[in-house]
Amino acid sequence: MDDDNVTDSGVPSFEQWMAFYNETVAFERKIGIIIPSIFALIIVIGVVGNLLVVVVALNRAMRNSTNTLIIGLAISDLMFLLLCVPFTAIDYALPVWIFPEWTCSMINFFQHISAYCSVWTLTLMALDRYLAVVFPVDSLTLRSPKNTIVALVVVYTIIVATQIPVGLMHGIYTYDFIVEKRSTCAIVKIATNNATLTFARTYFITFNVFGYILPLGISVLLYWRMLRRLWDTPRPGHGNNMNGSIRSRPETRRTKRKVTRLVLCVLVIWAVCWLPLNVCFFVSGLSYPETLVMKGGVIMVIVQISSQVLAYTNSCLNPILYALMSENFRKGFIRVICTIGRKLTMNTYCVEGDKQMRLEFTTCNNTTVTNSIKRFQGSPRSAGKAFSERSLLLKDRVNGPHKKAFEMAQDTVVEELQLVITSDDLQMRCLSR
């Protein structure tokens, strides 16, 4: 920044504002389309993925302390995706804030709550894995789903109470940008440079400490101590200790390693995604009242936007990690998707070839004629009876234009069954009629 272009009050001169305007307006027109499109994609992927996580984790067979925490993390991400990201996308697309002022406070309130809830849920997950690995037997009662829910409620209540003032600090900030009037949602005191240096730095650094450094530091310490125990080679004569150490069962140790690896990956991905935005917050606190944008121009605009996009992307990554690294979640996702597919649509089509037509309803329908034949290969009458019952059940579901196709395919499948049934069982020809 050239000192000759700065007024005595410290406000940039008109020439500096014009240079900044010409440099950034063209770029803003582009990001007004690109960034909202990226946010829309994040919302779709994140909402669908996190809803699947909640549905699968609520299954009775999946109920444990770790999955309870995963549900809490998914709900935090859903809250962020539905209550924060859409408004931020619109703010990027338009030069003015078009919503009522109370929405500005609400959005930032939920945005801070979601950020804090996510990282402290990850810290609880680290504590849960630490107890499961280091004190596997002694911590069974403490790590019950009920106690886990209580811990989440306590942590979330504290977060909500502490973030109410932050939400109330935000409001609509209106300003003249060279040749046009603009408005955005911000902490008005800081945006107008009316906040004291202590106030501004307290806001930025508090978020850094309690929203990133402290919870991440606790988690790293827990994982470091846990991984030392988890990957420690069992010593002869120490295979059966009284507190149920993981050394007693190699298969148990492998299972715990898989779960711990998954939770650790979730934490690492979160830390990487939120690191750039926290660096921007930290530098903003140190450089106040000067803004990063005025100091860096378009380059700093790109840095800030990229940091925000990366942080928002984290909300849709966890379901992908679960699908890649957890067989239970992967199977659960497939099961839920197939169930929804069967209920929403029934694709009926006939495949013709070599005088053969068969009926298929969905790719998720694992009951086929071939499986029925193999299952009852030793008993032709049982095969015919099973196919007949299946045919009647499916026939009740088919109506309208698909009914004729069903009957044609049914007749052809009966002919296939007749190839398997011996010539002595000619009665089988009419079982499915």
Protein backbone atom coordinates (compact mmCIF):
# COMPACT_ATOMS: atom_id res chain seq x y z
CA MET A 1 0.00 0.00 0.00
CA ASP A 2 1.45 3.38 -1.06
CA ASP A 3 1.54 5.83 1.86
CA ASP A 4 0.94 8.78 -0.53
CA ASN A 5 -2.46 7.37 -1.41
CA VAL A 6 -3.63 7.08 2.20
CA THR A 7 -5.41 9.95 3.94
CA ASP A 8 -4.53 11.26 7.39
CA SER A 9 -7.39 9.25 8.91
CA GLY A 10 -5.92 6.03 7.61
CA VAL A 11 -8.71 5.50 5.03
CA PRO A 12 -7.53 4.51 1.52
CA SER A 13 -7.66 7.33 -1.03
CA PHE A 14 -10.09 7.55 -3.93
CA GLU A 15 -7.39 6.49 -6.40
CA GLN A 16 -6.65 3.39 -4.38
CA TRP A 17 -10.33 2.54 -4.18
CA MET A 18 -10.68 2.92 -7.96
CA ALA A 19 -7.73 0.65 -8.60
CA PHE A 20 -9.16 -1.90 -6.23
CA TYR A 21 -12.60 -1.58 -7.88
CA ASN A 22 -11.32 -2.13 -11.40
CA GLU A 23 -9.25 -5.08 -10.26
CA THR A 24 -11.99 -6.92 -8.43
CA VAL A 25 -15.36 -6.19 -10.07
CA ALA A 26 -14.69 -8.31 -13.15
CA PHE A 27 -13.54 -11.13 -10.93
CA GLU A 28 -16.64 -10.82 -8.71
CA ARG A 29 -18.91 -11.35 -11.71
CA LYS A 30 -17.25 -14.70 -12.33
CA ILE A 31 -17.30 -15.92 -8.76
CA GLY A 32 -20.95 -14.83 -8.52
CA ILE A 33 -21.72 -17.79 -10.78
CA ILE A 34 -18.97 -20.29 -9.97
CA ILE A 35 -19.08 -20.22 -6.15
CA PRO A 36 -22.88 -20.59 -5.77
CA SER A 37 -22.75 -23.52 -8.21
CA ILE A 38 -20.05 -25.21 -6.12
CA PHE A 39 -22.05 -24.59 -2.95
CA ALA A 40 -25.16 -26.08 -4.57
CA LEU A 41 -23.22 -29.24 -5.39
CA ILE A 42 -21.89 -29.39 -1.82
CA ILE A 43 -25.43 -29.05 -0.45
CA VAL A 44 -26.84 -31.85 -2.61
CA ILE A 45 -24.02 -34.31 -1.90
CA GLY A 46 -23.81 -33.38 1.77
CA VAL A 47 -27.53 -33.55 2.54
CA VAL A 48 -28.04 -36.89 0.78
CA GLY A 49 -24.88 -38.40 2.25
CA ASN A 50 -25.46 -37.27 5.83
CA LEU A 51 -29.11 -38.35 5.75
CA LEU A 52 -27.93 -41.81 4.68
CA VAL A 53 -25.44 -41.80 7.55
CA VAL A 54 -28.17 -40.99 10.09
CA VAL A 55 -30.54 -43.65 8.73
CA VAL A 56 -27.87 -46.36 8.68
CA ALA A 57 -26.40 -45.48 12.08
CA LEU A 58 -29.86 -45.54 13.68
CA ASN A 59 -30.17 -49.22 12.78
CA ARG A 60 -30.37 -51.35 15.92
CA ALA A 61 -27.37 -53.44 14.87
CA MET A 62 -25.25 -50.29 14.45
CA ARG A 63 -26.01 -48.73 17.82
CA ASN A 64 -22.85 -48.05 19.78
CA SER A 65 -21.01 -45.06 21.17
CA THR A 66 -18.96 -44.38 18.04
CA ASN A 67 -21.96 -44.44 15.72
CA THR A 68 -23.92 -42.25 18.15
CA LEU A 69 -21.17 -39.64 17.81
CA ILE A 70 -21.20 -40.10 14.04
CA ILE A 71 -24.93 -39.29 14.09
CA GLY A 72 -24.18 -36.12 16.07
CA LEU A 73 -21.52 -35.13 13.54
CA ALA A 74 -23.90 -35.78 10.63
CA ILE A 75 -26.63 -33.66 12.24
CA SER A 76 -24.14 -30.81 12.73
CA ASP A 77 -23.20 -31.01 9.05
CA LEU A 78 -26.87 -31.10 8.00
CA MET A 79 -27.60 -28.01 10.08
CA PHE A 80 -24.67 -26.23 8.46
CA LEU A 81 -25.61 -27.32 4.93
CA LEU A 82 -29.27 -26.34 5.21
CA LEU A 83 -29.11 -23.18 7.35
CA CYS A 84 -25.81 -21.58 6.35
CA VAL A 85 -24.48 -22.59 2.95
CA PRO A 86 -27.54 -21.52 0.87
CA PHE A 87 -27.50 -17.99 2.30
CA THR A 88 -23.75 -17.70 1.79
CA ALA A 89 -24.18 -18.79 -1.84
CA ILE A 90 -26.79 -16.08 -2.41
CA ASP A 91 -24.53 -13.53 -0.73
CA TYR A 92 -21.82 -14.38 -3.27
CA ALA A 93 -24.26 -14.12 -6.18
CA LEU A 94 -25.72 -10.73 -5.26
CA PRO A 95 -24.03 -7.46 -4.26
CA VAL A 96 -26.65 -6.75 -1.58
CA TRP A 97 -28.09 -8.71 1.35
CA ILE A 98 -31.72 -9.37 0.35
CA PHE A 99 -32.90 -11.06 3.55
CA PRO A 100 -34.19 -9.50 6.79
CA GLU A 101 -31.61 -8.49 9.35
CA TRP A 102 -32.60 -11.23 11.79
CA THR A 103 -31.56 -13.85 9.22
CA CYS A 104 -28.02 -12.45 9.34
CA SER A 105 -27.79 -13.08 13.08
CA MET A 106 -29.45 -16.49 12.76
CA ILE A 107 -27.18 -17.71 9.96
CA ASN A 108 -23.97 -16.73 11.73
CA PHE A 109 -25.29 -18.14 15.00
CA PHE A 110 -25.89 -21.54 13.41
CA GLN A 111 -22.68 -21.34 11.41
CA HIS A 112 -20.60 -20.93 14.56
CA ILE A 113 -22.62 -23.58 16.40
CA SER A 114 -22.12 -26.07 13.58
CA ALA A 115 -18.38 -25.41 13.38
CA TYR A 116 -17.89 -25.82 17.13
CA CYS A 117 -20.21 -28.85 17.36
CA SER A 118 -18.33 -30.62 14.59
CA VAL A 119 -14.87 -30.21 16.06
CA TRP A 120 -15.90 -31.01 19.63
CA THR A 121 -17.82 -34.06 18.43
CA LEU A 122 -14.60 -35.19 16.78
CA THR A 123 -12.85 -34.64 20.11
CA LEU A 124 -15.46 -36.81 21.85
CA MET A 125 -14.88 -39.45 19.17
CA ALA A 126 -11.16 -39.35 19.93
CA LEU A 127 -11.92 -39.77 23.64
CA ASP A 128 -14.30 -42.64 22.88
CA ARG A 129 -11.68 -44.48 20.83
CA TYR A 130 -9.05 -43.83 23.51
CA LEU A 131 -11.24 -45.42 26.18
CA ALA A 132 -12.14 -48.32 23.87
CA VAL A 133 -8.50 -49.10 23.16
CA VAL A 134 -6.75 -48.38 26.45
CA PHE A 135 -9.55 -49.39 28.84
CA PRO A 136 -11.71 -51.76 26.74
CA VAL A 137 -13.48 -53.48 29.67
CA ASP A 138 -13.50 -50.80 32.34
CA SER A 139 -15.04 -48.26 29.94
CA LEU A 140 -17.91 -50.41 28.64
CA THR A 141 -20.50 -48.82 30.93
CA LEU A 142 -19.14 -45.32 30.44
CA ARG A 143 -19.20 -45.70 26.65
CA SER A 144 -22.85 -46.75 26.42
CA PRO A 145 -25.00 -44.99 23.77
CA LYS A 146 -27.07 -43.39 26.54
CA ASN A 147 -24.03 -41.82 28.21
CA THR A 148 -22.74 -40.73 24.82
CA ILE A 149 -25.99 -38.88 24.13
CA VAL A 150 -25.74 -37.18 27.53
CA ALA A 151 -22.19 -36.06 26.71
CA LEU A 152 -23.32 -34.66 23.35
CA VAL A 153 -26.23 -32.78 24.94
CA VAL A 154 -23.95 -31.22 27.56
CA VAL A 155 -21.33 -30.16 24.99
CA TYR A 156 -23.90 -28.81 22.53
CA THR A 157 -25.71 -26.87 25.27
CA ILE A 158 -22.48 -25.14 26.28
CA ILE A 159 -21.73 -24.30 22.65
CA VAL A 160 -25.20 -22.85 22.02
CA ALA A 161 -25.04 -20.72 25.17
CA THR A 162 -21.61 -19.30 24.32
CA GLN A 163 -22.48 -18.50 20.70
CA ILE A 164 -25.62 -16.44 21.37
CA PRO A 165 -23.59 -13.20 21.78
CA VAL A 166 -21.71 -13.95 18.55
CA GLY A 167 -24.98 -14.24 16.65
CA LEU A 168 -26.29 -10.99 18.11
CA MET A 169 -23.12 -9.13 17.07
CA HIS A 170 -23.85 -9.73 13.38
CA GLY A 171 -25.99 -7.42 11.30
CA ILE A 172 -26.37 -5.94 7.82
CA TYR A 173 -23.43 -3.75 6.88
CA THR A 174 -24.22 -1.23 4.11
CA TYR A 175 -21.41 0.62 2.36
CA ASP A 176 -20.62 2.59 -0.79
CA PHE A 177 -18.39 0.71 -3.17
CA ILE A 178 -17.14 3.43 -5.54
CA VAL A 179 -20.14 3.72 -7.88
CA GLU A 180 -22.67 1.47 -6.19
CA LYS A 181 -24.17 0.81 -2.80
CA ARG A 182 -23.62 -2.65 -1.38
CA SER A 183 -24.58 -4.56 1.73
CA THR A 184 -23.52 -7.78 3.36
CA CYS A 185 -23.86 -9.71 6.60
CA ALA A 186 -21.00 -9.07 9.01
CA ILE A 187 -20.02 -8.02 12.51
CA VAL A 188 -20.85 -4.35 12.01
CA LYS A 189 -18.38 -3.08 14.61
CA ILE A 190 -15.47 -4.82 12.93
CA ALA A 191 -16.64 -4.07 9.38
CA THR A 192 -16.89 -0.34 10.11
CA ASN A 193 -13.57 -0.27 12.02
CA ASN A 194 -15.43 0.93 15.12
CA ALA A 195 -14.37 -2.04 17.22
CA THR A 196 -11.44 -1.79 19.56
CA LEU A 197 -8.33 -3.76 18.74
CA THR A 198 -8.92 -5.94 21.80
CA PHE A 199 -12.49 -6.73 20.72
CA ALA A 200 -11.50 -7.66 17.16
CA ARG A 201 -8.55 -9.80 18.16
CA THR A 202 -10.58 -11.52 20.89
CA TYR A 203 -13.23 -12.54 18.35
CA PHE A 204 -10.79 -13.91 15.76
CA ILE A 205 -8.37 -15.60 18.15
CA THR A 206 -11.17 -17.10 20.28
CA PHE A 207 -12.44 -18.91 17.20
CA ASN A 208 -8.90 -20.11 16.45
CA VAL A 209 -8.30 -21.41 19.96
CA PHE A 210 -11.65 -22.97 20.89
CA GLY A 211 -12.75 -23.88 17.37
CA TYR A 212 -9.51 -25.39 16.11
CA ILE A 213 -6.30 -25.41 18.19
CA LEU A 214 -7.61 -26.67 21.56
CA PRO A 215 -9.94 -29.47 20.36
CA LEU A 216 -7.45 -30.56 17.70
CA GLY A 217 -4.63 -30.59 20.26
CA ILE A 218 -6.67 -32.73 22.67
CA SER A 219 -7.57 -35.14 19.87
CA VAL A 220 -3.97 -35.46 18.68
CA LEU A 221 -2.78 -36.20 22.22
CA LEU A 222 -5.45 -38.89 22.69
CA TYR A 223 -4.70 -40.52 19.34
CA TRP A 224 -0.97 -40.48 19.98
CA ARG A 225 -1.36 -42.34 23.27
CA MET A 226 -3.96 -44.65 21.78
CA LEU A 227 -1.98 -45.56 18.68
CA ARG A 228 1.03 -46.44 20.80
CA ARG A 229 -1.11 -48.96 22.66
CA LEU A 230 -3.01 -50.15 19.59
CA TRP A 231 0.03 -50.88 17.44
CA ASP A 232 2.17 -52.13 20.29
CA THR A 233 3.46 -55.65 19.70
CA PRO A 234 2.14 -58.13 22.32
CA ARG A 235 4.83 -59.45 24.62
CA PRO A 236 4.97 -63.12 25.58
CA GLY A 237 3.15 -63.83 28.79
CA HIS A 238 1.08 -60.68 28.62
CA GLY A 239 -1.74 -61.97 26.48
CA ASN A 240 -4.39 -62.15 29.19
CA ASN A 241 -4.41 -59.19 31.54
CA MET A 242 -7.15 -58.35 33.97
CA ASN A 243 -8.54 -55.20 32.36
CA GLY A 244 -9.27 -56.93 29.06
CA SER A 245 -6.41 -55.48 27.11
CA ILE A 246 -6.60 -55.54 23.36
CA ARG A 247 -3.49 -57.74 23.36
CA SER A 248 -5.59 -60.73 24.36
CA ARG A 249 -7.30 -61.07 20.98
CA PRO A 250 -5.60 -60.30 17.66
CA GLU A 251 -8.96 -60.16 15.84
CA THR A 252 -10.24 -57.61 18.36
CA ARG A 253 -7.10 -55.56 17.84
CA ARG A 254 -7.65 -55.59 14.07
CA THR A 255 -11.26 -54.47 14.47
CA LYS A 256 -10.29 -51.63 16.77
CA ARG A 257 -7.59 -50.58 14.33
CA LYS A 258 -10.13 -50.29 11.51
CA VAL A 259 -12.54 -48.19 13.55
CA THR A 260 -9.74 -46.03 14.92
CA ARG A 261 -8.29 -45.54 11.43
CA LEU A 262 -11.69 -44.36 10.17
CA VAL A 263 -12.21 -41.89 13.01
CA LEU A 264 -8.64 -40.62 12.67
CA CYS A 265 -9.11 -40.03 8.93
CA VAL A 266 -12.27 -38.04 9.63
CA LEU A 267 -10.31 -35.86 12.05
CA VAL A 268 -7.39 -35.36 9.65
CA ILE A 269 -9.68 -34.41 6.76
CA TRP A 270 -11.49 -31.93 9.00
CA ALA A 271 -8.21 -30.39 10.18
CA VAL A 272 -6.94 -29.98 6.61
CA CYS A 273 -10.21 -28.47 5.35
CA TRP A 274 -10.50 -25.91 8.14
CA LEU A 275 -6.81 -24.95 8.43
CA PRO A 276 -6.72 -22.26 5.67
CA LEU A 277 -9.83 -20.50 7.00
CA ASN A 278 -8.40 -20.46 10.52
CA VAL A 279 -5.16 -18.99 9.18
CA CYS A 280 -7.19 -16.23 7.50
CA PHE A 281 -9.00 -15.58 10.80
CA PHE A 282 -5.72 -15.41 12.69
CA VAL A 283 -4.11 -12.99 10.21
CA SER A 284 -7.28 -10.87 10.17
CA GLY A 285 -7.05 -10.50 13.93
CA LEU A 286 -3.39 -9.48 13.78
CA SER A 287 -3.80 -7.02 10.88
CA TYR A 288 -6.98 -5.29 12.14
CA PRO A 289 -8.11 -2.60 11.33
CA GLU A 290 -6.60 -3.21 7.89
CA THR A 291 -8.41 -5.86 5.87
CA LEU A 292 -6.73 -8.71 4.07
CA VAL A 293 -8.51 -7.85 0.83
CA MET A 294 -7.13 -4.31 0.74
CA LYS A 295 -3.64 -5.58 1.48
CA GLY A 296 -3.65 -8.38 -1.08
CA GLY A 297 -6.17 -7.40 -3.74
CA VAL A 298 -7.54 -10.11 -6.00
CA ILE A 299 -5.01 -12.66 -4.77
CA MET A 300 -6.28 -12.35 -1.20
CA VAL A 301 -9.87 -12.54 -2.44
CA ILE A 302 -9.02 -15.86 -4.09
CA VAL A 303 -7.34 -17.10 -0.90
CA GLN A 304 -10.30 -16.19 1.29
CA ILE A 305 -12.88 -17.68 -1.06
CA SER A 306 -10.86 -20.87 -1.55
CA SER A 307 -10.49 -21.22 2.22
CA GLN A 308 -14.22 -20.88 2.73
CA VAL A 309 -15.07 -23.33 -0.04
CA LEU A 310 -12.63 -25.88 1.36
CA ALA A 311 -14.10 -25.55 4.86
CA TYR A 312 -17.65 -25.93 3.51
CA THR A 313 -16.64 -28.97 1.46
CA ASN A 314 -15.81 -30.85 4.65
CA SER A 315 -19.54 -31.10 5.40
CA CYS A 316 -20.06 -33.50 2.50
CA LEU A 317 -16.87 -35.57 2.78
CA ASN A 318 -17.59 -37.68 5.87
CA PRO A 319 -20.25 -39.93 4.25
CA ILE A 320 -17.80 -40.63 1.43
CA LEU A 321 -15.13 -41.63 3.95
CA TYR A 322 -17.57 -43.93 5.73
CA ALA A 323 -18.49 -45.61 2.45
CA LEU A 324 -14.84 -46.11 1.48
CA MET A 325 -13.47 -47.25 4.83
CA SER A 326 -16.34 -48.96 6.67
CA GLU A 327 -17.87 -52.15 5.32
CA ASN A 328 -20.84 -51.83 7.68
CA PHE A 329 -21.69 -48.34 6.47
CA ARG A 330 -21.09 -49.33 2.86
CA LYS A 331 -23.53 -52.23 3.11
CA GLY A 332 -25.97 -50.04 5.01
CA PHE A 333 -25.88 -47.36 2.31
CA ILE A 334 -26.54 -49.94 -0.41
CA ARG A 335 -29.38 -51.48 1.57
CA VAL A 336 -31.09 -48.13 2.15
CA ILE A 337 -30.68 -47.04 -1.47
CA CYS A 338 -32.06 -50.33 -2.75
CA THR A 339 -35.01 -50.16 -0.37
CA ILE A 340 -35.85 -46.64 -1.51
CA GLY A 341 -35.45 -47.73 -5.13
CA ARG A 342 -37.89 -50.60 -4.70
CA LYS A 343 -40.47 -48.34 -3.13
CA LEU A 344 -40.17 -45.46 -5.57
CA THR A 345 -39.97 -47.32 -8.83
CA MET A 346 -40.59 -50.78 -10.23
CA ASN A 347 -38.88 -51.17 -13.57
CA THR A 348 -40.59 -53.86 -15.60
CA TYR A 349 -39.00 -54.92 -18.80
CA CYS A 350 -38.64 -58.07 -20.87
CA VAL A 351 -35.38 -59.28 -22.34
CA GLU A 352 -35.79 -61.39 -25.46
CA GLY A 353 -33.19 -63.68 -26.93
CA ASP A 354 -32.89 -67.36 -27.83
CA LYS A 355 -36.64 -67.77 -27.25
CA GLN A 356 -36.23 -66.49 -23.69
CA MET A 357 -37.99 -63.70 -21.87
CA ARG A 358 -37.56 -62.93 -18.25
CA LEU A 359 -39.02 -60.39 -15.84
CA GLU A 360 -36.79 -58.08 -13.79
CA PHE A 361 -38.14 -55.49 -11.37
CA THR A 362 -35.01 -53.85 -9.94
CA THR A 363 -31.31 -54.56 -9.71
CA CYS A 364 -31.79 -54.77 -5.98
CA ASN A 365 -34.21 -57.73 -6.30
CA ASN A 366 -31.95 -60.65 -5.43
CA THR A 367 -34.65 -63.28 -5.99
CA THR A 368 -34.23 -64.71 -9.46
CA VAL A 369 -35.48 -67.80 -11.21
CA THR A 370 -31.93 -69.15 -11.40
CA ASN A 371 -31.52 -68.90 -7.64
CA SER A 372 -34.87 -70.59 -7.15
CA ILE A 373 -33.85 -73.46 -9.42
CA LYS A 374 -30.52 -73.93 -7.63
CA ARG A 375 -32.16 -73.76 -4.24
CA PHE A 376 -34.67 -76.48 -5.05
CA GLN A 377 -32.68 -78.42 -7.60
CA GLY A 378 -33.17 -81.66 -5.73
CA SER A 379 -36.93 -81.17 -5.46
CA PRO A 380 -38.68 -80.12 -8.69
CA ARG A 381 -42.06 -79.81 -7.04
CA SER A 382 -40.63 -77.47 -4.40
CA ALA A 383 -39.07 -75.37 -7.15
CA GLY A 384 -42.36 -75.13 -8.98
CA LYS A 385 -44.24 -74.30 -5.80
CA ALA A 386 -41.75 -71.60 -4.79
CA PHE A 387 -41.83 -70.03 -8.24
CA SER A 388 -45.62 -70.19 -8.28
CA GLU A 389 -45.87 -68.36 -4.96
CA ARG A 390 -43.36 -65.77 -6.14
CA SER A 391 -45.26 -65.30 -9.39
CA LEU A 392 -48.55 -64.74 -7.58
CA LEU A 393 -46.91 -62.22 -5.26
CA LEU A 394 -45.37 -60.27 -8.13
CA LYS A 395 -48.54 -60.49 -10.19
CA ASP A 396 -50.44 -58.62 -7.48
CA ARG A 397 -47.94 -55.75 -7.75
CA VAL A 398 -48.15 -55.44 -11.53
CA ASN A 399 -51.07 -53.75 -13.21
CA GLY A 400 -51.91 -51.59 -16.15
CA PRO A 401 -49.71 -51.75 -19.25
CA HIS A 402 -47.13 -54.00 -17.56
CA LYS A 403 -49.55 -56.84 -16.82
CA LYS A 404 -49.37 -58.36 -20.29
CA ALA A 405 -45.56 -58.23 -20.28
CA PHE A 406 -45.57 -59.95 -16.90
CA GLU A 407 -47.77 -62.81 -18.14
CA MET A 408 -45.60 -63.29 -21.25
CA ALA A 409 -42.43 -63.41 -19.18
CA GLN A 410 -44.08 -65.73 -16.66
CA ASP A 411 -44.98 -68.25 -19.37
CA THR A 412 -41.44 -68.20 -20.73
CA VAL A 413 -39.87 -68.71 -17.30
CA VAL A 414 -42.10 -71.73 -16.76
CA GLU A 415 -40.60 -73.21 -19.91
CA GLU A 416 -37.13 -72.69 -18.38
CA LEU A 417 -38.23 -74.51 -15.26
CA GLN A 418 -39.49 -77.37 -17.37
CA LEU A 419 -35.96 -77.90 -18.71
CA VAL A 420 -34.80 -78.61 -15.18
CA ILE A 421 -37.76 -80.70 -14.07
CA THR A 422 -37.64 -84.35 -15.07
CA SER A 423 -40.04 -85.78 -17.61
CA ASP A 424 -41.88 -87.68 -14.87
CA ASP A 425 -43.11 -84.42 -13.37
CA LEU A 426 -45.25 -83.19 -16.22
CA GLN A 427 -47.68 -81.70 -13.77
CA MET A 428 -45.17 -78.93 -13.12
CA ARG A 429 -46.12 -77.37 -16.47
CA CYS A 430 -49.21 -75.76 -15.01
CA LEU A 431 -48.10 -74.92 -11.48
CA SER A 432 -47.64 -71.22 -12.14
CA ARG A 433 -50.71 -70.73 -14.35
